[in-house]
Amino acid sequence: MRLFEGTPFDRPPKCDECGQLEADCQCPLPTKVYKDPASQSARVYLEKRKRGKFVTIVNQLSSDETDLKALLSKLKETCGAGGTLKDEVIEIQGDQLERIQQTLREIGYRVR
């Protein structure tokens, strides 16, 4: 709902590229370009949680430069474990340090 919808001040939004109404616009959506993995370094470490559970943390990767959702899916698939993405930090369940480091190196990331 727009601020002035239904009033004389209402102006439907228009596309910046073609100038048509957004509902009628046929412009392709812009694709996001990510930074090369070889120019990025990830910090991988273990964290012990309550009740003795381990979580493997992948840190120091920016969501502007890396597709973190795709990377999370790849790491979960490789480890056969669950995981989540919280505030640009990837968490994988269990002690998966070696597998994750190896996978990140294969993709091209520098690992610390």
N, C-alpha and C. Protein backbone atom coordinates (compact mmCIF):
# COMPACT_ATOMS: atom_id res chain seq x y z
N MET A 1 0.85 -1.18 0.00
CA MET A 1 0.00 0.00 0.00
C MET A 1 0.89 1.23 0.00
N ARG A 2 0.60 2.14 -0.91
CA ARG A 2 1.37 3.37 -1.00
C ARG A 2 0.81 4.42 -0.05
N LEU A 3 1.59 5.41 0.26
CA LEU A 3 1.23 6.43 1.25
C LEU A 3 -0.03 7.19 0.86
N PHE A 4 -0.13 7.62 -0.39
CA PHE A 4 -1.26 8.43 -0.82
C PHE A 4 -2.23 7.65 -1.71
N GLU A 5 -2.25 6.35 -1.60
CA GLU A 5 -3.08 5.53 -2.47
C GLU A 5 -4.56 5.90 -2.33
N GLY A 6 -5.22 6.14 -3.46
CA GLY A 6 -6.63 6.48 -3.47
C GLY A 6 -6.90 7.96 -3.32
N THR A 7 -5.88 8.80 -3.28
CA THR A 7 -6.05 10.24 -3.16
C THR A 7 -5.61 10.89 -4.47
N PRO A 8 -5.88 12.18 -4.65
CA PRO A 8 -5.43 12.85 -5.87
C PRO A 8 -3.91 12.93 -5.99
N PHE A 9 -3.17 12.73 -4.89
CA PHE A 9 -1.70 12.82 -4.91
C PHE A 9 -1.05 11.48 -5.26
N ASP A 10 -1.87 10.47 -5.49
CA ASP A 10 -1.35 9.13 -5.77
C ASP A 10 -0.69 9.08 -7.14
N ARG A 11 0.56 8.64 -7.18
CA ARG A 11 1.28 8.43 -8.43
C ARG A 11 1.81 7.00 -8.41
N PRO A 12 1.32 6.15 -9.27
CA PRO A 12 1.81 4.76 -9.28
C PRO A 12 3.31 4.71 -9.58
N PRO A 13 4.02 3.79 -8.97
CA PRO A 13 5.47 3.71 -9.19
C PRO A 13 5.80 3.31 -10.63
N LYS A 14 6.89 3.92 -11.15
CA LYS A 14 7.33 3.65 -12.52
C LYS A 14 8.74 3.08 -12.50
N CYS A 15 9.04 2.33 -13.53
CA CYS A 15 10.36 1.72 -13.68
C CYS A 15 11.40 2.81 -13.99
N ASP A 16 12.57 2.71 -13.39
CA ASP A 16 13.63 3.68 -13.64
C ASP A 16 14.26 3.49 -15.02
N GLU A 17 14.23 2.27 -15.54
CA GLU A 17 14.86 1.97 -16.82
C GLU A 17 14.01 2.40 -18.01
N CYS A 18 12.75 1.92 -18.06
CA CYS A 18 11.92 2.15 -19.25
C CYS A 18 10.84 3.22 -19.05
N GLY A 19 10.55 3.60 -17.82
CA GLY A 19 9.56 4.63 -17.56
C GLY A 19 8.12 4.16 -17.54
N GLN A 20 7.88 2.87 -17.76
CA GLN A 20 6.52 2.33 -17.72
C GLN A 20 6.14 2.06 -16.27
N LEU A 21 4.83 1.83 -16.08
CA LEU A 21 4.38 1.45 -14.75
C LEU A 21 5.04 0.14 -14.35
N GLU A 22 5.33 -0.03 -13.05
CA GLU A 22 6.02 -1.23 -12.60
C GLU A 22 5.24 -2.50 -12.93
N ALA A 23 3.92 -2.41 -12.93
CA ALA A 23 3.10 -3.57 -13.25
C ALA A 23 3.24 -3.97 -14.72
N ASP A 24 3.53 -3.01 -15.60
CA ASP A 24 3.64 -3.27 -17.04
C ASP A 24 5.08 -3.43 -17.51
N CYS A 25 6.04 -3.20 -16.67
CA CYS A 25 7.46 -3.21 -17.03
C CYS A 25 7.91 -4.62 -17.43
N GLN A 26 8.70 -4.70 -18.50
CA GLN A 26 9.24 -5.97 -19.00
C GLN A 26 10.76 -6.03 -18.86
N CYS A 27 11.35 -5.10 -18.11
CA CYS A 27 12.80 -5.09 -17.94
C CYS A 27 13.24 -6.31 -17.13
N PRO A 28 14.39 -6.92 -17.49
CA PRO A 28 14.88 -8.07 -16.72
C PRO A 28 15.40 -7.60 -15.36
N LEU A 29 15.26 -8.47 -14.37
CA LEU A 29 15.76 -8.15 -13.04
C LEU A 29 17.28 -8.14 -13.05
N PRO A 30 17.91 -7.20 -12.36
CA PRO A 30 19.38 -7.16 -12.35
C PRO A 30 19.93 -8.36 -11.58
N THR A 31 20.99 -8.94 -12.12
CA THR A 31 21.63 -10.07 -11.44
C THR A 31 22.76 -9.53 -10.58
N LYS A 32 22.90 -10.11 -9.41
CA LYS A 32 23.92 -9.67 -8.48
C LYS A 32 25.25 -10.34 -8.82
N VAL A 33 26.30 -9.57 -8.90
CA VAL A 33 27.62 -10.09 -9.20
C VAL A 33 28.40 -10.19 -7.90
N TYR A 34 28.91 -11.40 -7.64
CA TYR A 34 29.65 -11.63 -6.40
C TYR A 34 31.15 -11.61 -6.67
N LYS A 35 31.90 -11.35 -5.62
CA LYS A 35 33.34 -11.29 -5.68
C LYS A 35 33.93 -12.68 -5.87
N ASP A 36 35.09 -12.77 -6.49
CA ASP A 36 35.77 -14.04 -6.72
C ASP A 36 36.18 -14.67 -5.38
N PRO A 37 35.91 -15.96 -5.17
CA PRO A 37 36.27 -16.61 -3.91
C PRO A 37 37.76 -16.57 -3.60
N ALA A 38 38.61 -16.54 -4.64
CA ALA A 38 40.06 -16.53 -4.41
C ALA A 38 40.52 -15.25 -3.72
N SER A 39 39.75 -14.19 -3.81
CA SER A 39 40.14 -12.92 -3.19
C SER A 39 39.54 -12.75 -1.79
N GLN A 40 38.88 -13.79 -1.29
CA GLN A 40 38.26 -13.71 0.03
C GLN A 40 38.85 -14.77 0.96
N SER A 41 38.86 -14.46 2.23
CA SER A 41 39.32 -15.46 3.19
C SER A 41 38.24 -15.66 4.25
N ALA A 42 38.05 -16.93 4.62
CA ALA A 42 37.04 -17.30 5.60
C ALA A 42 37.74 -17.81 6.85
N ARG A 43 37.17 -17.49 7.99
CA ARG A 43 37.68 -18.01 9.26
C ARG A 43 36.75 -19.14 9.67
N VAL A 44 37.33 -20.32 9.89
CA VAL A 44 36.56 -21.50 10.26
C VAL A 44 37.05 -21.98 11.62
N TYR A 45 36.13 -22.17 12.56
CA TYR A 45 36.51 -22.63 13.89
C TYR A 45 35.36 -23.39 14.54
N LEU A 46 35.69 -24.11 15.62
CA LEU A 46 34.70 -24.86 16.38
C LEU A 46 34.27 -24.06 17.59
N GLU A 47 33.02 -24.22 17.94
CA GLU A 47 32.48 -23.56 19.13
C GLU A 47 31.71 -24.61 19.91
N LYS A 48 31.98 -24.68 21.20
CA LYS A 48 31.28 -25.65 22.03
C LYS A 48 30.08 -24.97 22.67
N ARG A 49 28.93 -25.57 22.46
CA ARG A 49 27.69 -25.03 23.00
C ARG A 49 27.31 -25.78 24.27
N LYS A 50 26.19 -25.39 24.84
CA LYS A 50 25.75 -26.05 26.06
C LYS A 50 25.45 -27.53 25.81
N ARG A 51 25.54 -28.30 26.84
CA ARG A 51 25.35 -29.75 26.81
C ARG A 51 26.39 -30.46 25.95
N GLY A 52 27.56 -29.85 25.75
CA GLY A 52 28.66 -30.49 25.06
C GLY A 52 28.54 -30.59 23.55
N LYS A 53 27.60 -29.86 22.95
CA LYS A 53 27.40 -29.91 21.51
C LYS A 53 28.43 -29.00 20.82
N PHE A 54 28.93 -29.46 19.66
CA PHE A 54 29.86 -28.66 18.87
C PHE A 54 29.15 -28.07 17.66
N VAL A 55 29.58 -26.87 17.29
CA VAL A 55 29.07 -26.19 16.10
C VAL A 55 30.29 -25.66 15.35
N THR A 56 30.34 -25.89 14.05
CA THR A 56 31.42 -25.37 13.22
C THR A 56 30.96 -24.03 12.65
N ILE A 57 31.78 -23.01 12.84
CA ILE A 57 31.44 -21.64 12.45
C ILE A 57 32.30 -21.22 11.25
N VAL A 58 31.65 -20.65 10.22
CA VAL A 58 32.34 -20.04 9.08
C VAL A 58 32.04 -18.56 9.15
N ASN A 59 33.09 -17.76 9.30
CA ASN A 59 32.95 -16.35 9.63
C ASN A 59 33.74 -15.50 8.64
N GLN A 60 33.54 -14.20 8.69
CA GLN A 60 34.28 -13.18 7.96
C GLN A 60 34.06 -13.23 6.45
N LEU A 61 32.87 -13.62 6.03
CA LEU A 61 32.46 -13.53 4.63
C LEU A 61 31.29 -12.56 4.57
N SER A 62 31.34 -11.60 3.68
CA SER A 62 30.30 -10.59 3.56
C SER A 62 29.20 -11.06 2.61
N SER A 63 27.96 -10.78 2.97
CA SER A 63 26.83 -11.17 2.11
C SER A 63 26.79 -10.34 0.82
N ASP A 64 27.46 -9.18 0.81
CA ASP A 64 27.53 -8.37 -0.41
C ASP A 64 28.48 -8.97 -1.43
N GLU A 65 29.49 -9.71 -0.94
CA GLU A 65 30.52 -10.26 -1.82
C GLU A 65 30.35 -11.74 -2.10
N THR A 66 29.52 -12.44 -1.29
CA THR A 66 29.39 -13.90 -1.39
C THR A 66 27.92 -14.29 -1.31
N ASP A 67 27.54 -15.29 -2.07
CA ASP A 67 26.19 -15.84 -1.97
C ASP A 67 26.18 -16.82 -0.80
N LEU A 68 25.91 -16.30 0.40
CA LEU A 68 26.01 -17.10 1.61
C LEU A 68 24.97 -18.21 1.66
N LYS A 69 23.79 -17.99 1.11
CA LYS A 69 22.76 -19.04 1.12
C LYS A 69 23.19 -20.24 0.30
N ALA A 70 23.75 -19.99 -0.87
CA ALA A 70 24.23 -21.08 -1.72
C ALA A 70 25.41 -21.79 -1.07
N LEU A 71 26.29 -21.03 -0.44
CA LEU A 71 27.44 -21.63 0.25
C LEU A 71 26.98 -22.48 1.42
N LEU A 72 25.99 -22.02 2.17
CA LEU A 72 25.43 -22.79 3.28
C LEU A 72 24.86 -24.10 2.77
N SER A 73 24.11 -24.07 1.70
CA SER A 73 23.54 -25.29 1.13
C SER A 73 24.63 -26.27 0.71
N LYS A 74 25.68 -25.77 0.08
CA LYS A 74 26.79 -26.61 -0.35
C LYS A 74 27.48 -27.27 0.84
N LEU A 75 27.72 -26.50 1.91
CA LEU A 75 28.40 -27.04 3.09
C LEU A 75 27.52 -28.05 3.81
N LYS A 76 26.23 -27.78 3.92
CA LYS A 76 25.32 -28.73 4.56
C LYS A 76 25.27 -30.04 3.79
N GLU A 77 25.24 -29.94 2.47
CA GLU A 77 25.20 -31.13 1.63
C GLU A 77 26.49 -31.93 1.76
N THR A 78 27.62 -31.24 1.79
CA THR A 78 28.91 -31.91 1.90
C THR A 78 29.07 -32.63 3.23
N CYS A 79 28.62 -31.98 4.31
CA CYS A 79 28.79 -32.55 5.65
C CYS A 79 27.68 -33.52 6.03
N GLY A 80 26.55 -33.43 5.37
CA GLY A 80 25.41 -34.26 5.75
C GLY A 80 24.88 -33.86 7.11
N ALA A 81 24.90 -32.57 7.38
CA ALA A 81 24.47 -32.06 8.68
C ALA A 81 23.60 -30.83 8.48
N GLY A 82 22.91 -30.44 9.53
CA GLY A 82 22.09 -29.24 9.48
C GLY A 82 22.93 -28.01 9.69
N GLY A 83 22.35 -26.87 9.41
CA GLY A 83 23.07 -25.62 9.59
C GLY A 83 22.14 -24.44 9.42
N THR A 84 22.68 -23.26 9.71
CA THR A 84 21.89 -22.05 9.60
C THR A 84 22.79 -20.87 9.26
N LEU A 85 22.15 -19.78 8.86
CA LEU A 85 22.83 -18.54 8.54
C LEU A 85 22.30 -17.47 9.48
N LYS A 86 23.17 -16.94 10.34
CA LYS A 86 22.77 -15.91 11.29
C LYS A 86 23.73 -14.73 11.19
N ASP A 87 23.22 -13.58 10.79
CA ASP A 87 24.02 -12.35 10.74
C ASP A 87 25.35 -12.54 10.02
N GLU A 88 25.30 -13.06 8.80
CA GLU A 88 26.48 -13.28 7.96
C GLU A 88 27.47 -14.29 8.55
N VAL A 89 27.00 -15.15 9.44
CA VAL A 89 27.81 -16.21 10.03
C VAL A 89 27.13 -17.54 9.71
N ILE A 90 27.87 -18.46 9.13
CA ILE A 90 27.34 -19.78 8.81
C ILE A 90 27.66 -20.71 9.97
N GLU A 91 26.63 -21.42 10.46
CA GLU A 91 26.80 -22.39 11.54
C GLU A 91 26.38 -23.76 11.02
N ILE A 92 27.28 -24.73 11.15
CA ILE A 92 27.01 -26.11 10.75
C ILE A 92 27.07 -26.97 12.00
N GLN A 93 26.09 -27.84 12.17
CA GLN A 93 26.02 -28.68 13.36
C GLN A 93 27.14 -29.71 13.36
N GLY A 94 27.75 -29.89 14.52
CA GLY A 94 28.75 -30.93 14.70
C GLY A 94 30.16 -30.45 14.43
N ASP A 95 31.10 -31.37 14.70
CA ASP A 95 32.53 -31.11 14.48
C ASP A 95 32.85 -31.43 13.03
N GLN A 96 32.68 -30.46 12.14
CA GLN A 96 32.86 -30.63 10.70
C GLN A 96 34.03 -29.80 10.18
N LEU A 97 34.98 -29.49 11.05
CA LEU A 97 36.05 -28.54 10.73
C LEU A 97 36.83 -28.95 9.49
N GLU A 98 37.32 -30.18 9.43
CA GLU A 98 38.15 -30.63 8.31
C GLU A 98 37.38 -30.64 6.99
N ARG A 99 36.16 -31.14 7.01
CA ARG A 99 35.36 -31.21 5.78
C ARG A 99 35.07 -29.82 5.24
N ILE A 100 34.71 -28.91 6.12
CA ILE A 100 34.37 -27.56 5.68
C ILE A 100 35.60 -26.85 5.15
N GLN A 101 36.73 -26.98 5.82
CA GLN A 101 37.96 -26.35 5.34
C GLN A 101 38.33 -26.89 3.96
N GLN A 102 38.24 -28.20 3.78
CA GLN A 102 38.57 -28.81 2.50
C GLN A 102 37.61 -28.32 1.41
N THR A 103 36.32 -28.28 1.70
CA THR A 103 35.33 -27.83 0.72
C THR A 103 35.55 -26.38 0.33
N LEU A 104 35.81 -25.53 1.30
CA LEU A 104 36.06 -24.11 1.00
C LEU A 104 37.31 -23.94 0.15
N ARG A 105 38.35 -24.72 0.42
CA ARG A 105 39.56 -24.64 -0.40
C ARG A 105 39.29 -25.10 -1.83
N GLU A 106 38.47 -26.15 -1.99
CA GLU A 106 38.12 -26.63 -3.33
C GLU A 106 37.35 -25.58 -4.11
N ILE A 107 36.48 -24.85 -3.43
CA ILE A 107 35.72 -23.78 -4.08
C ILE A 107 36.64 -22.63 -4.48
N GLY A 108 37.68 -22.39 -3.67
CA GLY A 108 38.63 -21.33 -3.99
C GLY A 108 38.87 -20.32 -2.89
N TYR A 109 38.21 -20.47 -1.75
CA TYR A 109 38.39 -19.54 -0.63
C TYR A 109 39.72 -19.80 0.07
N ARG A 110 40.28 -18.74 0.62
CA ARG A 110 41.42 -18.90 1.53
C ARG A 110 40.85 -19.16 2.90
N VAL A 111 41.40 -20.12 3.61
CA VAL A 111 40.84 -20.53 4.91
C VAL A 111 41.86 -20.24 5.99
N ARG A 112 41.35 -19.65 7.08
CA ARG A 112 42.20 -19.40 8.25
C ARG A 112 41.64 -20.19 9.41
